[in-house]
Amino acid sequence: MAAGEFAQITKFLESAPNQGAEWVGDHDLYATLVDIAVRERNEAQIRRYAPLAEETATHYGHRLYQAIASRALGVLHLMDQEPKLAQARLERALDIFTELETHWQIGRTYFELFNLAKSSGEKEIAQSYLSLSQGAFEKAGAVFEIKLIKETQKTF
């Protein structure tokens, strides 16, 4: 999805609570908004929506959304150069995604762990995470992400 499309989705979703839609709850909106922010690497939006996503997901006991929020907070800690906090959040997200057998989410989380290891200069660990990411994407049949991983491997 192109960046412009994310902006359109974000604008629509941000207006949804004012529409009184019965088909979606705040937890759905915040999880989606923070996930878009992570994909865009929009730090301000991650800061805005990650706590709300975590709070509402916890309130409803929504494990998938709890993991999405944890991954978002892990990315935020990575942006803030807090590798230990990032690692803990990303591993928490990975544990939940693994429990839920959500291979695409697992692949995305391994890719964030790759980014963390790469930023810490841990090349071998980063390569391992990249391979695990690719394997998870292959299980999910995520063609676009597999291509992204292969391109990343060429330049890493």
N, C-alpha and C. Protein backbone atom coordinates (compact mmCIF):
# COMPACT_ATOMS: atom_id res chain seq x y z
N MET A 1 0.85 -1.17 0.00
CA MET A 1 0.00 0.00 0.00
C MET A 1 0.90 1.24 0.00
N ALA A 2 0.59 2.15 -0.86
CA ALA A 2 1.40 3.37 -0.97
C ALA A 2 1.18 4.28 0.22
N ALA A 3 2.17 5.11 0.51
CA ALA A 3 2.10 6.01 1.67
C ALA A 3 0.87 6.88 1.62
N GLY A 4 0.48 7.34 0.44
CA GLY A 4 -0.71 8.18 0.31
C GLY A 4 -1.97 7.44 0.73
N GLU A 5 -2.00 6.14 0.45
CA GLU A 5 -3.16 5.34 0.85
C GLU A 5 -3.23 5.20 2.36
N PHE A 6 -2.08 5.06 3.01
CA PHE A 6 -2.06 5.00 4.47
C PHE A 6 -2.63 6.29 5.05
N ALA A 7 -2.25 7.40 4.46
CA ALA A 7 -2.75 8.70 4.94
C ALA A 7 -4.26 8.76 4.82
N GLN A 8 -4.80 8.24 3.75
CA GLN A 8 -6.25 8.25 3.56
C GLN A 8 -6.93 7.35 4.59
N ILE A 9 -6.36 6.17 4.82
CA ILE A 9 -6.94 5.25 5.81
C ILE A 9 -6.88 5.89 7.19
N THR A 10 -5.75 6.46 7.53
CA THR A 10 -5.60 7.10 8.84
C THR A 10 -6.63 8.19 9.03
N LYS A 11 -6.80 9.03 8.03
CA LYS A 11 -7.79 10.12 8.12
C LYS A 11 -9.19 9.56 8.34
N PHE A 12 -9.55 8.52 7.61
CA PHE A 12 -10.86 7.90 7.76
C PHE A 12 -11.03 7.30 9.15
N LEU A 13 -10.03 6.55 9.60
CA LEU A 13 -10.13 5.88 10.90
C LEU A 13 -10.17 6.88 12.05
N GLU A 14 -9.42 7.96 11.94
CA GLU A 14 -9.42 8.96 13.01
C GLU A 14 -10.79 9.63 13.15
N SER A 15 -11.55 9.67 12.08
CA SER A 15 -12.88 10.28 12.16
C SER A 15 -13.95 9.27 12.58
N ALA A 16 -13.63 8.00 12.57
CA ALA A 16 -14.62 6.96 12.87
C ALA A 16 -15.26 7.07 14.26
N PRO A 17 -14.49 7.38 15.34
CA PRO A 17 -15.16 7.47 16.65
C PRO A 17 -16.27 8.53 16.68
N ASN A 18 -16.17 9.53 15.86
CA ASN A 18 -17.19 10.57 15.81
C ASN A 18 -18.41 10.17 15.00
N GLN A 19 -18.30 9.05 14.28
CA GLN A 19 -19.38 8.59 13.42
C GLN A 19 -20.35 7.67 14.16
N GLY A 20 -19.96 7.20 15.32
CA GLY A 20 -20.83 6.30 16.08
C GLY A 20 -21.03 4.95 15.40
N ALA A 21 -20.00 4.46 14.74
CA ALA A 21 -20.10 3.19 14.05
C ALA A 21 -20.24 2.04 15.04
N GLU A 22 -21.20 1.17 14.80
CA GLU A 22 -21.41 0.04 15.69
C GLU A 22 -20.51 -1.14 15.35
N TRP A 23 -19.96 -1.15 14.16
CA TRP A 23 -19.19 -2.29 13.70
C TRP A 23 -17.75 -2.29 14.16
N VAL A 24 -17.35 -1.22 14.82
CA VAL A 24 -15.96 -1.14 15.22
C VAL A 24 -15.87 -0.50 16.60
N GLY A 25 -14.94 -1.00 17.41
CA GLY A 25 -14.73 -0.41 18.73
C GLY A 25 -13.42 0.35 18.76
N ASP A 26 -13.23 1.10 19.83
CA ASP A 26 -11.99 1.87 19.96
C ASP A 26 -10.76 0.98 19.86
N HIS A 27 -10.84 -0.22 20.42
CA HIS A 27 -9.68 -1.11 20.37
C HIS A 27 -9.31 -1.47 18.93
N ASP A 28 -10.32 -1.64 18.05
CA ASP A 28 -10.05 -1.91 16.64
C ASP A 28 -9.36 -0.72 15.99
N LEU A 29 -9.89 0.46 16.26
CA LEU A 29 -9.33 1.68 15.66
C LEU A 29 -7.90 1.93 16.11
N TYR A 30 -7.65 1.86 17.41
CA TYR A 30 -6.31 2.16 17.91
C TYR A 30 -5.28 1.14 17.44
N ALA A 31 -5.66 -0.13 17.40
CA ALA A 31 -4.73 -1.15 16.91
C ALA A 31 -4.40 -0.91 15.44
N THR A 32 -5.39 -0.56 14.66
CA THR A 32 -5.17 -0.30 13.24
C THR A 32 -4.34 0.97 13.04
N LEU A 33 -4.69 2.02 13.76
CA LEU A 33 -3.95 3.28 13.62
C LEU A 33 -2.48 3.14 14.03
N VAL A 34 -2.22 2.44 15.12
CA VAL A 34 -0.83 2.30 15.55
C VAL A 34 -0.07 1.39 14.60
N ASP A 35 -0.74 0.39 14.04
CA ASP A 35 -0.07 -0.50 13.11
C ASP A 35 0.30 0.25 11.83
N ILE A 36 -0.58 1.10 11.35
CA ILE A 36 -0.26 1.93 10.19
C ILE A 36 0.91 2.85 10.52
N ALA A 37 0.89 3.44 11.70
CA ALA A 37 1.97 4.35 12.11
C ALA A 37 3.31 3.62 12.13
N VAL A 38 3.33 2.38 12.60
CA VAL A 38 4.56 1.60 12.62
C VAL A 38 5.05 1.36 11.20
N ARG A 39 4.15 0.97 10.33
CA ARG A 39 4.55 0.70 8.94
C ARG A 39 5.08 1.96 8.25
N GLU A 40 4.54 3.11 8.63
CA GLU A 40 5.01 4.39 8.06
C GLU A 40 6.21 4.94 8.81
N ARG A 41 6.53 4.37 9.95
CA ARG A 41 7.58 4.88 10.84
C ARG A 41 7.25 6.32 11.27
N ASN A 42 5.98 6.54 11.57
CA ASN A 42 5.49 7.85 12.00
C ASN A 42 5.56 7.90 13.52
N GLU A 43 6.67 8.44 14.02
CA GLU A 43 6.93 8.44 15.46
C GLU A 43 5.83 9.14 16.26
N ALA A 44 5.38 10.28 15.79
CA ALA A 44 4.34 11.03 16.52
C ALA A 44 3.06 10.22 16.64
N GLN A 45 2.68 9.54 15.58
CA GLN A 45 1.45 8.74 15.61
C GLN A 45 1.63 7.49 16.48
N ILE A 46 2.82 6.91 16.46
CA ILE A 46 3.07 5.76 17.34
C ILE A 46 2.95 6.21 18.80
N ARG A 47 3.56 7.35 19.13
CA ARG A 47 3.47 7.87 20.50
C ARG A 47 2.01 8.14 20.88
N ARG A 48 1.24 8.62 19.94
CA ARG A 48 -0.16 8.94 20.21
C ARG A 48 -1.02 7.69 20.40
N TYR A 49 -0.86 6.71 19.51
CA TYR A 49 -1.80 5.59 19.49
C TYR A 49 -1.34 4.33 20.23
N ALA A 50 -0.04 4.14 20.42
CA ALA A 50 0.41 2.90 21.08
C ALA A 50 -0.15 2.76 22.49
N PRO A 51 -0.08 3.80 23.33
CA PRO A 51 -0.66 3.64 24.68
C PRO A 51 -2.17 3.38 24.65
N LEU A 52 -2.86 4.03 23.73
CA LEU A 52 -4.31 3.82 23.61
C LEU A 52 -4.62 2.42 23.11
N ALA A 53 -3.82 1.96 22.16
CA ALA A 53 -4.01 0.60 21.63
C ALA A 53 -3.76 -0.43 22.73
N GLU A 54 -2.71 -0.21 23.50
CA GLU A 54 -2.40 -1.16 24.57
C GLU A 54 -3.48 -1.15 25.65
N GLU A 55 -3.91 0.04 26.03
CA GLU A 55 -4.92 0.17 27.08
C GLU A 55 -6.24 -0.51 26.68
N THR A 56 -6.71 -0.24 25.49
CA THR A 56 -8.01 -0.80 25.07
C THR A 56 -7.89 -2.30 24.79
N ALA A 57 -6.77 -2.74 24.23
CA ALA A 57 -6.58 -4.17 23.98
C ALA A 57 -6.54 -4.94 25.30
N THR A 58 -5.89 -4.36 26.29
CA THR A 58 -5.82 -4.99 27.61
C THR A 58 -7.21 -5.02 28.24
N HIS A 59 -7.92 -3.93 28.13
CA HIS A 59 -9.28 -3.84 28.69
C HIS A 59 -10.17 -4.96 28.14
N TYR A 60 -10.08 -5.20 26.84
CA TYR A 60 -10.92 -6.22 26.20
C TYR A 60 -10.28 -7.60 26.18
N GLY A 61 -9.05 -7.71 26.65
CA GLY A 61 -8.36 -9.00 26.62
C GLY A 61 -8.10 -9.49 25.20
N HIS A 62 -7.89 -8.56 24.30
CA HIS A 62 -7.70 -8.89 22.89
C HIS A 62 -6.22 -9.16 22.64
N ARG A 63 -5.86 -10.44 22.61
CA ARG A 63 -4.45 -10.84 22.53
C ARG A 63 -3.75 -10.34 21.26
N LEU A 64 -4.41 -10.43 20.13
CA LEU A 64 -3.79 -9.96 18.89
C LEU A 64 -3.46 -8.48 18.97
N TYR A 65 -4.40 -7.68 19.45
CA TYR A 65 -4.17 -6.24 19.55
C TYR A 65 -3.15 -5.91 20.64
N GLN A 66 -3.09 -6.73 21.69
CA GLN A 66 -2.06 -6.53 22.71
C GLN A 66 -0.68 -6.70 22.08
N ALA A 67 -0.56 -7.70 21.22
CA ALA A 67 0.72 -7.94 20.56
C ALA A 67 1.06 -6.83 19.58
N ILE A 68 0.06 -6.34 18.85
CA ILE A 68 0.30 -5.24 17.92
C ILE A 68 0.77 -4.00 18.68
N ALA A 69 0.15 -3.73 19.81
CA ALA A 69 0.55 -2.58 20.63
C ALA A 69 1.95 -2.78 21.19
N SER A 70 2.26 -3.99 21.63
CA SER A 70 3.58 -4.26 22.17
C SER A 70 4.65 -4.09 21.09
N ARG A 71 4.36 -4.58 19.88
CA ARG A 71 5.33 -4.40 18.80
C ARG A 71 5.53 -2.90 18.52
N ALA A 72 4.44 -2.15 18.50
CA ALA A 72 4.54 -0.71 18.25
C ALA A 72 5.39 -0.03 19.32
N LEU A 73 5.20 -0.41 20.56
CA LEU A 73 6.01 0.16 21.64
C LEU A 73 7.48 -0.27 21.51
N GLY A 74 7.69 -1.48 21.04
CA GLY A 74 9.06 -1.93 20.77
C GLY A 74 9.73 -1.08 19.70
N VAL A 75 8.99 -0.79 18.65
CA VAL A 75 9.53 0.07 17.59
C VAL A 75 9.81 1.46 18.15
N LEU A 76 8.93 1.95 18.98
CA LEU A 76 9.13 3.27 19.59
C LEU A 76 10.40 3.28 20.46
N HIS A 77 10.60 2.22 21.23
CA HIS A 77 11.83 2.13 22.04
C HIS A 77 13.06 2.05 21.14
N LEU A 78 12.93 1.38 20.01
CA LEU A 78 14.04 1.34 19.05
C LEU A 78 14.33 2.75 18.54
N MET A 79 13.29 3.51 18.22
CA MET A 79 13.47 4.89 17.77
C MET A 79 14.11 5.75 18.86
N ASP A 80 13.78 5.46 20.10
CA ASP A 80 14.32 6.21 21.24
C ASP A 80 15.69 5.69 21.68
N GLN A 81 16.22 4.73 20.94
CA GLN A 81 17.53 4.13 21.23
C GLN A 81 17.56 3.49 22.62
N GLU A 82 16.53 2.74 22.89
CA GLU A 82 16.42 1.98 24.15
C GLU A 82 16.33 0.49 23.78
N PRO A 83 17.46 -0.11 23.42
CA PRO A 83 17.43 -1.47 22.88
C PRO A 83 16.89 -2.55 23.82
N LYS A 84 17.17 -2.45 25.10
CA LYS A 84 16.67 -3.48 26.03
C LYS A 84 15.15 -3.43 26.14
N LEU A 85 14.60 -2.22 26.22
CA LEU A 85 13.14 -2.08 26.26
C LEU A 85 12.51 -2.51 24.94
N ALA A 86 13.17 -2.17 23.84
CA ALA A 86 12.67 -2.58 22.52
C ALA A 86 12.65 -4.11 22.42
N GLN A 87 13.73 -4.73 22.83
CA GLN A 87 13.83 -6.20 22.77
C GLN A 87 12.72 -6.86 23.58
N ALA A 88 12.50 -6.36 24.79
CA ALA A 88 11.47 -6.95 25.65
C ALA A 88 10.09 -6.83 25.03
N ARG A 89 9.77 -5.66 24.49
CA ARG A 89 8.45 -5.44 23.88
C ARG A 89 8.27 -6.30 22.62
N LEU A 90 9.31 -6.36 21.81
CA LEU A 90 9.21 -7.16 20.58
C LEU A 90 9.10 -8.65 20.89
N GLU A 91 9.84 -9.10 21.89
CA GLU A 91 9.75 -10.52 22.27
C GLU A 91 8.37 -10.84 22.85
N ARG A 92 7.81 -9.91 23.61
CA ARG A 92 6.45 -10.11 24.14
C ARG A 92 5.46 -10.24 22.99
N ALA A 93 5.58 -9.34 22.01
CA ALA A 93 4.69 -9.41 20.84
C ALA A 93 4.88 -10.73 20.11
N LEU A 94 6.13 -11.13 19.92
CA LEU A 94 6.42 -12.38 19.21
C LEU A 94 5.82 -13.58 19.94
N ASP A 95 5.90 -13.60 21.26
CA ASP A 95 5.32 -14.70 22.04
C ASP A 95 3.81 -14.81 21.78
N ILE A 96 3.14 -13.69 21.77
CA ILE A 96 1.68 -13.71 21.56
C ILE A 96 1.36 -14.13 20.12
N PHE A 97 2.06 -13.53 19.16
CA PHE A 97 1.80 -13.89 17.76
C PHE A 97 2.07 -15.38 17.52
N THR A 98 3.12 -15.91 18.16
CA THR A 98 3.43 -17.33 18.02
C THR A 98 2.32 -18.18 18.63
N GLU A 99 1.86 -17.78 19.80
CA GLU A 99 0.75 -18.47 20.45
C GLU A 99 -0.49 -18.48 19.55
N LEU A 100 -0.73 -17.38 18.87
CA LEU A 100 -1.90 -17.25 17.99
C LEU A 100 -1.67 -17.82 16.59
N GLU A 101 -0.43 -18.20 16.30
CA GLU A 101 -0.05 -18.75 14.99
C GLU A 101 -0.37 -17.80 13.85
N THR A 102 -0.06 -16.52 14.06
CA THR A 102 -0.29 -15.50 13.04
C THR A 102 1.04 -15.24 12.33
N HIS A 103 1.28 -16.02 11.29
CA HIS A 103 2.60 -16.05 10.65
C HIS A 103 3.01 -14.71 10.03
N TRP A 104 2.08 -13.98 9.44
CA TRP A 104 2.42 -12.68 8.87
C TRP A 104 2.87 -11.72 9.98
N GLN A 105 2.16 -11.73 11.09
CA GLN A 105 2.54 -10.88 12.23
C GLN A 105 3.88 -11.33 12.81
N ILE A 106 4.10 -12.63 12.85
CA ILE A 106 5.38 -13.17 13.33
C ILE A 106 6.50 -12.66 12.42
N GLY A 107 6.30 -12.73 11.12
CA GLY A 107 7.30 -12.26 10.17
C GLY A 107 7.61 -10.78 10.34
N ARG A 108 6.57 -9.98 10.55
CA ARG A 108 6.77 -8.54 10.76
C ARG A 108 7.56 -8.29 12.04
N THR A 109 7.28 -9.07 13.07
CA THR A 109 7.96 -8.87 14.35
C THR A 109 9.42 -9.31 14.26
N TYR A 110 9.67 -10.43 13.59
CA TYR A 110 11.07 -10.83 13.38
C TYR A 110 11.81 -9.76 12.58
N PHE A 111 11.13 -9.12 11.65
CA PHE A 111 11.77 -8.07 10.87
C PHE A 111 12.14 -6.88 11.77
N GLU A 112 11.29 -6.57 12.73
CA GLU A 112 11.62 -5.50 13.68
C GLU A 112 12.78 -5.91 14.58
N LEU A 113 12.83 -7.18 14.95
CA LEU A 113 13.98 -7.67 15.72
C LEU A 113 15.25 -7.61 14.88
N PHE A 114 15.13 -7.87 13.59
CA PHE A 114 16.25 -7.70 12.66
C PHE A 114 16.73 -6.25 12.70
N ASN A 115 15.79 -5.31 12.61
CA ASN A 115 16.15 -3.88 12.65
C ASN A 115 16.86 -3.52 13.95
N LEU A 116 16.39 -4.08 15.05
CA LEU A 116 17.01 -3.82 16.35
C LEU A 116 18.43 -4.36 16.38
N ALA A 117 18.61 -5.61 15.98
CA ALA A 117 19.94 -6.21 15.99
C ALA A 117 20.89 -5.48 15.04
N LYS A 118 20.37 -5.09 13.89
CA LYS A 118 21.19 -4.35 12.92
C LYS A 118 21.64 -3.01 13.51
N SER A 119 20.71 -2.32 14.19
CA SER A 119 21.06 -1.02 14.77
C SER A 119 22.06 -1.15 15.91
N SER A 120 22.10 -2.33 16.53
CA SER A 120 23.04 -2.59 17.62
C SER A 120 24.36 -3.16 17.11
N GLY A 121 24.47 -3.33 15.80
CA GLY A 121 25.70 -3.84 15.21
C GLY A 121 25.88 -5.34 15.36
N GLU A 122 24.81 -6.06 15.66
CA GLU A 122 24.87 -7.51 15.85
C GLU A 122 24.49 -8.20 14.54
N LYS A 123 25.44 -8.25 13.61
CA LYS A 123 25.17 -8.71 12.26
C LYS A 123 24.67 -10.16 12.19
N GLU A 124 25.29 -11.06 12.92
CA GLU A 124 24.88 -12.47 12.86
C GLU A 124 23.47 -12.66 13.42
N ILE A 125 23.17 -12.00 14.51
CA ILE A 125 21.83 -12.09 15.09
C ILE A 125 20.81 -11.46 14.15
N ALA A 126 21.18 -10.34 13.55
CA ALA A 126 20.30 -9.67 12.60
C ALA A 126 19.99 -10.60 11.43
N GLN A 127 21.02 -11.27 10.91
CA GLN A 127 20.82 -12.20 9.79
C GLN A 127 19.89 -13.34 10.19
N SER A 128 20.04 -13.82 11.40
CA SER A 128 19.16 -14.88 11.89
C SER A 128 17.70 -14.43 11.94
N TYR A 129 17.48 -13.23 12.47
CA TYR A 129 16.12 -12.69 12.51
C TYR A 129 15.54 -12.48 11.12
N LEU A 130 16.38 -12.06 10.20
CA LEU A 130 15.92 -11.86 8.83
C LEU A 130 15.48 -13.19 8.21
N SER A 131 16.23 -14.25 8.47
CA SER A 131 15.87 -15.58 7.97
C SER A 131 14.57 -16.07 8.61
N LEU A 132 14.44 -15.83 9.91
CA LEU A 132 13.19 -16.23 10.59
C LEU A 132 12.00 -15.44 10.05
N SER A 133 12.23 -14.18 9.75
CA SER A 133 11.17 -13.36 9.17
C SER A 133 10.74 -13.93 7.82
N GLN A 134 11.71 -14.26 7.00
CA GLN A 134 11.40 -14.82 5.70
C GLN A 134 10.61 -16.12 5.83
N GLY A 135 11.03 -16.98 6.74
CA GLY A 135 10.32 -18.25 6.95
C GLY A 135 8.87 -18.05 7.36
N ALA A 136 8.64 -17.09 8.24
CA ALA A 136 7.27 -16.82 8.68
C ALA A 136 6.44 -16.26 7.52
N PHE A 137 7.03 -15.37 6.74
CA PHE A 137 6.31 -14.82 5.59
C PHE A 137 6.01 -15.90 4.56
N GLU A 138 6.93 -16.83 4.39
CA GLU A 138 6.69 -17.93 3.47
C GLU A 138 5.51 -18.79 3.95
N LYS A 139 5.44 -19.06 5.25
CA LYS A 139 4.30 -19.81 5.80
C LYS A 139 2.99 -19.09 5.57
N ALA A 140 3.04 -17.75 5.62
CA ALA A 140 1.84 -16.94 5.44
C ALA A 140 1.52 -16.74 3.96
N GLY A 141 2.46 -17.08 3.08
CA GLY A 141 2.25 -16.83 1.66
C GLY A 141 2.28 -15.35 1.32
N ALA A 142 3.07 -14.60 2.06
CA ALA A 142 3.15 -13.15 1.91
C ALA A 142 4.18 -12.79 0.85
N VAL A 143 3.76 -12.81 -0.40
CA VAL A 143 4.66 -12.64 -1.54
C VAL A 143 5.40 -11.30 -1.49
N PHE A 144 4.70 -10.21 -1.23
CA PHE A 144 5.33 -8.89 -1.19
C PHE A 144 6.42 -8.84 -0.14
N GLU A 145 6.13 -9.36 1.05
CA GLU A 145 7.10 -9.32 2.14
C GLU A 145 8.30 -10.21 1.86
N ILE A 146 8.08 -11.34 1.20
CA ILE A 146 9.19 -12.23 0.85
C ILE A 146 10.14 -11.50 -0.10
N LYS A 147 9.58 -10.78 -1.06
CA LYS A 147 10.41 -10.00 -1.98
C LYS A 147 11.19 -8.93 -1.22
N LEU A 148 10.55 -8.29 -0.26
CA LEU A 148 11.22 -7.28 0.56
C LEU A 148 12.39 -7.89 1.32
N ILE A 149 12.19 -9.05 1.89
CA ILE A 149 13.25 -9.74 2.64
C ILE A 149 14.41 -10.05 1.71
N LYS A 150 14.11 -10.58 0.54
CA LYS A 150 15.19 -10.93 -0.40
C LYS A 150 15.97 -9.70 -0.83
N GLU A 151 15.29 -8.58 -1.04
CA GLU A 151 15.99 -7.33 -1.38
C GLU A 151 16.85 -6.85 -0.21
N THR A 152 16.33 -7.00 0.99
CA THR A 152 17.07 -6.60 2.18
C THR A 152 18.31 -7.46 2.34
N GLN A 153 18.19 -8.76 2.07
CA GLN A 153 19.34 -9.66 2.17
C GLN A 153 20.45 -9.27 1.20
N LYS A 154 20.07 -8.79 0.02
CA LYS A 154 21.06 -8.39 -0.98
C LYS A 154 21.89 -7.20 -0.51
N THR A 155 21.23 -6.29 0.22
CA THR A 155 21.92 -5.07 0.63
C THR A 155 22.49 -5.14 2.03
N PHE A 156 22.19 -6.21 2.76
CA PHE A 156 22.65 -6.30 4.15
C PHE A 156 24.00 -6.94 4.24
